[in-house]
Amino acid sequence: MIWVIGAKGMLGSAVCAALKSKAIPHTGTGSEVDITQKDALFRFIKSNPGIGWIVNCAAYTAVEKAEDEPEKCRAINALGAENLAGVAMEEGAGFVHISTDYVFDGTLNRPYREDDAPGPLGVYGKSKLESEERVLLKNKSAYILRTAWLYGEGGSNFVRTMLRLANEQKKIRVVADQKGCPTWTRDLAMVIAACIEKNGALQPGIYHYTHEGVCSWFEFAQKIFEYAAELNLINGIPCLEPCATSEYPSRVRRPACTPLDKQKIKTALNIDIPRWEGRLRLFLEKQK
């Protein structure tokens, strides 16, 4: 039995769907089980015997708001993850934790490898780095998957925001000087399921997974509108204008360029990773 934490969120629901497609027994919880309270976690475990894996998709992801709520962000992202890692260790269950490219500062001139030095710029990134450190200290058998720029069914994400704005505004400005790797939650969920299917044969530690290719938010928006117009998901392509991060004053410094090197997981799972453009197109086709 697989226990998916944050099962009602965008990634958690995709993980549940992936497990269902593979006929892997699973159960999911949301806010009804407070991951910051170890007693609540043990109560759930005791009332649901047979849990062999825990997948933590729960996270505080409001990057701007985190600057105003640092303790809440840290409690969910770092302390909650540590609790889950500890419970998994005590119960003899496998543990998968999701992290982010925001653990890096975005100044490296090549894709980030798993062993590159982190340097988070804001509260959110710092909380996720702390989560990694606490998880690995508590549970040396844990798997950590760093990912980026998620979109999918349900929840708030860039693709859905752009589709909505396309039918509301004639002109849209999008940041062109931040670059990364878009990732469909369905594909990440299948990778998580593949890690579980290895049943401990995969070397524990940190792995990177996003789609292949790198783009800016502006280039991402261009493709969203191009494909959405072809599929009649929007009434027309709005005027899209590039802008600089500096034109959007914020207390949060975001990493400028965080492509993730994925050779480690490609080798470990013997998989090919598709480019982001084709996966975006397929996702949009499924919205018709």
Protein backbone atom coordinates (compact mmCIF):
# COMPACT_ATOMS: atom_id res chain seq x y z
CA MET A 1 0.00 0.00 0.00
CA ILE A 2 1.29 3.45 -0.99
CA TRP A 3 0.36 6.48 1.13
CA VAL A 4 0.29 9.68 -0.95
CA ILE A 5 0.54 12.86 1.15
CA GLY A 6 -1.03 15.91 -0.49
CA ALA A 7 -3.18 13.64 -2.64
CA LYS A 8 -5.66 16.40 -3.48
CA GLY A 9 -3.03 18.70 -4.95
CA MET A 10 -1.88 18.94 -8.55
CA LEU A 11 1.05 16.53 -8.22
CA GLY A 12 -0.50 14.29 -5.56
CA SER A 13 -3.60 13.65 -7.66
CA ALA A 14 -1.36 12.81 -10.63
CA VAL A 15 0.60 10.35 -8.50
CA CYS A 16 -2.64 8.67 -7.41
CA ALA A 17 -3.71 8.42 -11.05
CA ALA A 18 -0.35 6.91 -12.02
CA LEU A 19 -0.56 4.32 -9.25
CA LYS A 20 -4.12 3.47 -10.23
CA SER A 21 -3.07 2.98 -13.87
CA LYS A 22 -0.49 0.45 -12.69
CA ALA A 23 -2.97 -1.26 -10.32
CA ILE A 24 -0.76 -0.38 -7.34
CA PRO A 25 -2.83 -0.18 -4.12
CA HIS A 26 -2.71 3.29 -2.60
CA THR A 27 -4.43 5.70 -0.28
CA GLY A 28 -4.24 9.47 -0.17
CA THR A 29 -4.66 12.22 2.40
CA GLY A 30 -4.73 16.00 2.39
CA SER A 31 -4.97 18.53 5.19
CA GLU A 32 -7.04 16.14 7.32
CA VAL A 33 -3.75 14.54 8.39
CA ASP A 34 -1.40 17.24 9.71
CA ILE A 35 2.15 16.33 8.72
CA THR A 36 3.57 18.75 11.29
CA GLN A 37 2.16 16.50 14.04
CA LYS A 38 3.92 13.15 14.37
CA ASP A 39 1.09 11.74 16.49
CA ALA A 40 -1.35 12.33 13.62
CA LEU A 41 0.93 10.48 11.24
CA PHE A 42 1.29 7.47 13.52
CA ARG A 43 -2.47 7.35 14.11
CA PHE A 44 -3.05 7.17 10.36
CA ILE A 45 -0.38 4.49 9.94
CA LYS A 46 -1.86 2.39 12.74
CA SER A 47 -5.36 2.64 11.30
CA ASN A 48 -4.11 1.75 7.82
CA PRO A 49 -1.81 -1.26 8.22
CA GLY A 50 0.31 -2.48 5.35
CA ILE A 51 1.71 0.87 4.15
CA GLY A 52 4.97 0.07 2.39
CA TRP A 53 5.74 3.47 0.86
CA ILE A 54 5.06 7.12 1.71
CA VAL A 55 5.15 9.74 -1.06
CA ASN A 56 5.27 13.33 0.14
CA CYS A 57 3.67 15.67 -2.40
CA ALA A 58 2.57 18.17 0.27
CA ALA A 59 4.30 21.54 0.20
CA TYR A 60 3.94 25.22 0.96
CA THR A 61 4.56 26.66 -2.52
CA ALA A 62 3.39 30.30 -2.28
CA VAL A 63 6.81 31.82 -2.92
CA GLU A 64 5.81 35.44 -2.26
CA LYS A 65 3.62 34.68 0.74
CA ALA A 66 6.37 32.57 2.29
CA GLU A 67 8.32 35.78 2.97
CA ASP A 68 5.48 36.83 5.30
CA GLU A 69 4.93 33.36 6.77
CA PRO A 70 8.42 31.89 7.13
CA GLU A 71 7.60 29.71 10.12
CA LYS A 72 4.48 28.25 8.51
CA CYS A 73 6.42 27.57 5.32
CA ARG A 74 9.25 25.92 7.25
CA ALA A 75 6.86 23.88 9.38
CA ILE A 76 5.19 22.30 6.34
CA ASN A 77 8.15 22.02 3.98
CA ALA A 78 10.98 21.14 6.36
CA LEU A 79 9.62 19.90 9.67
CA GLY A 80 6.68 18.08 8.10
CA ALA A 81 8.98 16.33 5.65
CA GLU A 82 11.28 15.32 8.51
CA ASN A 83 8.33 13.87 10.40
CA LEU A 84 7.29 11.80 7.42
CA ALA A 85 10.83 10.58 6.81
CA GLY A 86 11.05 9.52 10.45
CA VAL A 87 7.71 7.73 10.41
CA ALA A 88 8.70 5.88 7.24
CA MET A 89 11.98 4.81 8.83
CA GLU A 90 10.31 3.60 12.02
CA GLU A 91 7.64 1.69 10.08
CA GLY A 92 10.08 0.16 7.60
CA ALA A 93 8.40 1.94 4.66
CA GLY A 94 10.06 3.49 1.62
CA PHE A 95 9.95 7.27 1.38
CA VAL A 96 9.82 9.63 -1.61
CA HIS A 97 10.06 13.40 -1.08
CA ILE A 98 9.58 16.10 -3.72
CA SER A 99 11.92 19.08 -3.85
CA THR A 100 12.61 21.94 -6.25
CA ASP A 101 15.07 23.80 -8.46
CA TYR A 102 14.67 26.72 -6.03
CA VAL A 103 17.36 25.15 -3.83
CA PHE A 104 19.80 26.68 -6.37
CA ASP A 105 20.61 30.34 -7.00
CA GLY A 106 20.43 30.09 -10.80
CA THR A 107 23.91 31.48 -11.54
CA LEU A 108 25.59 28.32 -12.87
CA ASN A 109 26.33 28.31 -16.59
CA ARG A 110 25.30 24.68 -17.10
CA PRO A 111 22.49 22.38 -15.92
CA TYR A 112 22.60 21.71 -12.20
CA ARG A 113 23.68 18.25 -11.10
CA GLU A 114 22.47 16.61 -7.92
CA ASP A 115 25.77 17.22 -6.14
CA ASP A 116 26.14 20.91 -7.07
CA ALA A 117 26.26 23.32 -4.14
CA PRO A 118 22.82 24.71 -3.30
CA GLY A 119 22.19 28.39 -2.65
CA PRO A 120 18.49 29.22 -2.18
CA LEU A 121 17.53 32.87 -2.48
CA GLY A 122 14.27 33.10 -0.51
CA VAL A 123 12.27 31.57 2.33
CA TYR A 124 10.62 28.99 0.10
CA GLY A 125 13.89 27.74 -1.40
CA LYS A 126 15.58 27.69 1.99
CA SER A 127 12.72 25.66 3.47
CA LYS A 128 12.98 23.10 0.67
CA LEU A 129 16.74 22.80 1.07
CA GLU A 130 16.24 22.29 4.79
CA SER A 131 13.65 19.63 3.98
CA GLU A 132 16.23 17.73 1.93
CA GLU A 133 18.81 17.93 4.70
CA ARG A 134 16.38 16.85 7.41
CA VAL A 135 14.95 14.01 5.33
CA LEU A 136 18.38 12.54 4.56
CA LEU A 137 19.55 12.88 8.17
CA LYS A 138 16.41 11.16 9.44
CA ASN A 139 16.12 8.51 6.72
CA LYS A 140 19.18 7.42 4.75
CA SER A 141 16.98 5.22 2.53
CA ALA A 142 14.90 8.16 1.29
CA TYR A 143 14.51 9.27 -2.32
CA ILE A 144 14.37 12.99 -3.11
CA LEU A 145 13.17 14.14 -6.53
CA ARG A 146 13.91 17.73 -7.46
CA THR A 147 11.67 19.12 -10.17
CA ALA A 148 10.56 22.46 -11.64
CA TRP A 149 7.86 24.47 -13.38
CA LEU A 150 5.05 21.97 -12.79
CA TYR A 151 1.74 22.10 -14.62
CA GLY A 152 -1.13 19.63 -14.79
CA GLU A 153 -4.73 18.92 -13.98
CA GLY A 154 -6.17 20.86 -11.07
CA GLY A 155 -4.45 23.48 -8.99
CA SER A 156 -2.96 26.78 -10.05
CA ASN A 157 -0.20 26.65 -12.66
CA PHE A 158 1.31 28.75 -15.44
CA VAL A 159 -0.36 26.93 -18.33
CA ARG A 160 -3.85 27.34 -16.93
CA THR A 161 -3.17 30.97 -16.04
CA MET A 162 -2.04 31.73 -19.59
CA LEU A 163 -5.11 30.01 -21.07
CA ARG A 164 -7.37 32.09 -18.85
CA LEU A 165 -5.58 35.35 -19.60
CA ALA A 166 -5.67 34.65 -23.34
CA ASN A 167 -9.46 34.90 -23.24
CA GLU A 168 -9.48 37.93 -20.93
CA GLN A 169 -6.73 40.24 -22.16
CA LYS A 170 -5.49 41.45 -25.53
CA LYS A 171 -1.97 42.13 -24.28
CA ILE A 172 0.05 39.99 -21.89
CA ARG A 173 3.52 40.67 -20.54
CA VAL A 174 5.66 37.71 -19.45
CA VAL A 175 9.11 37.56 -17.88
CA ALA A 176 11.80 36.64 -20.41
CA ASP A 177 14.93 36.55 -18.25
CA GLN A 178 14.10 33.56 -16.03
CA LYS A 179 14.79 30.15 -17.59
CA GLY A 180 13.97 26.62 -16.52
CA CYS A 181 12.38 23.31 -17.52
CA PRO A 182 8.57 22.91 -17.74
CA THR A 183 7.29 19.59 -16.39
CA TRP A 184 3.91 17.88 -16.76
CA THR A 185 2.86 16.35 -13.45
CA ARG A 186 1.65 13.19 -15.21
CA ASP A 187 5.18 12.38 -16.37
CA LEU A 188 6.75 13.15 -12.99
CA ALA A 189 4.10 10.95 -11.34
CA MET A 190 5.00 8.03 -13.60
CA VAL A 191 8.66 8.45 -12.63
CA ILE A 192 7.68 8.38 -8.95
CA ALA A 193 5.72 5.18 -9.59
CA ALA A 194 8.75 3.72 -11.40
CA CYS A 195 10.95 4.47 -8.38
CA ILE A 196 8.48 2.62 -6.15
CA GLU A 197 8.32 -0.32 -8.54
CA LYS A 198 12.09 -0.69 -8.14
CA ASN A 199 11.16 -1.55 -4.52
CA GLY A 200 14.38 -0.33 -2.95
CA ALA A 201 16.70 -1.50 -5.75
CA LEU A 202 17.27 2.13 -6.77
CA GLN A 203 20.16 3.81 -4.95
CA PRO A 204 18.69 6.19 -2.32
CA GLY A 205 19.48 9.89 -2.49
CA ILE A 206 18.72 12.94 -4.63
CA TYR A 207 17.57 12.78 -8.27
CA HIS A 208 16.49 15.40 -10.79
CA TYR A 209 13.48 15.11 -13.07
CA THR A 210 12.01 17.64 -15.49
CA HIS A 211 11.31 17.46 -19.18
CA GLU A 212 14.21 17.99 -21.56
CA GLY A 213 14.92 21.42 -22.99
CA VAL A 214 15.16 24.88 -21.47
CA CYS A 215 12.99 27.92 -22.05
CA SER A 216 12.06 31.24 -20.52
CA TRP A 217 8.60 31.94 -19.14
CA PHE A 218 8.07 34.10 -22.23
CA GLU A 219 9.00 31.25 -24.58
CA PHE A 220 6.81 28.90 -22.57
CA ALA A 221 3.87 31.28 -22.99
CA GLN A 222 4.52 31.55 -26.72
CA LYS A 223 4.18 27.77 -27.13
CA ILE A 224 1.10 27.62 -24.91
CA PHE A 225 -0.66 30.18 -27.10
CA GLU A 226 0.55 28.61 -30.36
CA TYR A 227 -0.71 25.14 -29.45
CA ALA A 228 -3.87 26.38 -27.73
CA ALA A 229 -4.86 28.39 -30.82
CA GLU A 230 -4.30 25.37 -33.07
CA LEU A 231 -6.50 23.30 -30.77
CA ASN A 232 -9.19 25.99 -30.50
CA LEU A 233 -8.72 26.28 -26.75
CA ILE A 234 -8.48 30.09 -26.97
CA ASN A 235 -10.28 32.62 -29.14
CA GLY A 236 -7.08 34.03 -30.56
CA ILE A 237 -3.43 34.63 -29.75
CA PRO A 238 -3.02 37.75 -27.61
CA CYS A 239 -0.19 40.22 -28.06
CA LEU A 240 2.64 38.75 -25.99
CA GLU A 241 5.36 41.11 -24.78
CA PRO A 242 8.62 40.09 -23.06
CA CYS A 243 9.68 41.91 -19.92
CA ALA A 244 12.42 41.77 -17.32
CA THR A 245 12.12 40.39 -13.79
CA SER A 246 13.13 43.85 -12.55
CA GLU A 247 9.91 45.27 -13.99
CA TYR A 248 7.98 43.26 -11.38
CA PRO A 249 9.21 44.54 -8.00
CA SER A 250 9.31 41.73 -5.46
CA ARG A 251 10.91 40.98 -2.13
CA VAL A 252 11.72 37.51 -3.44
CA ARG A 253 14.78 36.94 -5.58
CA ARG A 254 14.05 34.11 -7.97
CA PRO A 255 16.79 31.99 -9.56
CA ALA A 256 17.43 33.25 -13.09
CA CYS A 257 18.36 29.97 -14.78
CA THR A 258 17.90 26.53 -13.22
CA PRO A 259 17.91 23.75 -15.82
CA LEU A 260 18.43 20.42 -14.05
CA ASP A 261 20.79 17.71 -15.26
CA LYS A 262 18.85 14.43 -15.42
CA GLN A 263 21.49 11.90 -16.44
CA LYS A 264 21.43 10.23 -13.02
CA ILE A 265 17.73 9.30 -13.14
CA LYS A 266 17.86 8.41 -16.84
CA THR A 267 20.59 5.90 -16.08
CA ALA A 268 18.98 4.60 -12.88
CA LEU A 269 15.56 3.98 -14.44
CA ASN A 270 16.77 3.35 -18.00
CA ILE A 271 14.38 5.95 -19.39
CA ASP A 272 14.34 8.56 -22.12
CA ILE A 273 12.93 11.92 -21.11
CA PRO A 274 10.79 13.78 -23.68
CA ARG A 275 11.19 17.44 -24.57
CA TRP A 276 8.82 19.90 -22.95
CA GLU A 277 7.23 21.12 -26.19
CA GLY A 278 5.74 17.77 -27.15
CA ARG A 279 4.47 17.07 -23.65
CA LEU A 280 2.86 20.51 -23.44
CA ARG A 281 1.10 19.86 -26.74
CA LEU A 282 -0.19 16.50 -25.49
CA PHE A 283 -1.40 18.04 -22.22
CA LEU A 284 -3.31 20.71 -24.14
CA GLU A 285 -4.82 18.13 -26.49
CA LYS A 286 -6.29 16.44 -23.43
CA GLN A 287 -7.99 19.71 -22.39
CA LYS A 288 -10.32 19.64 -25.41
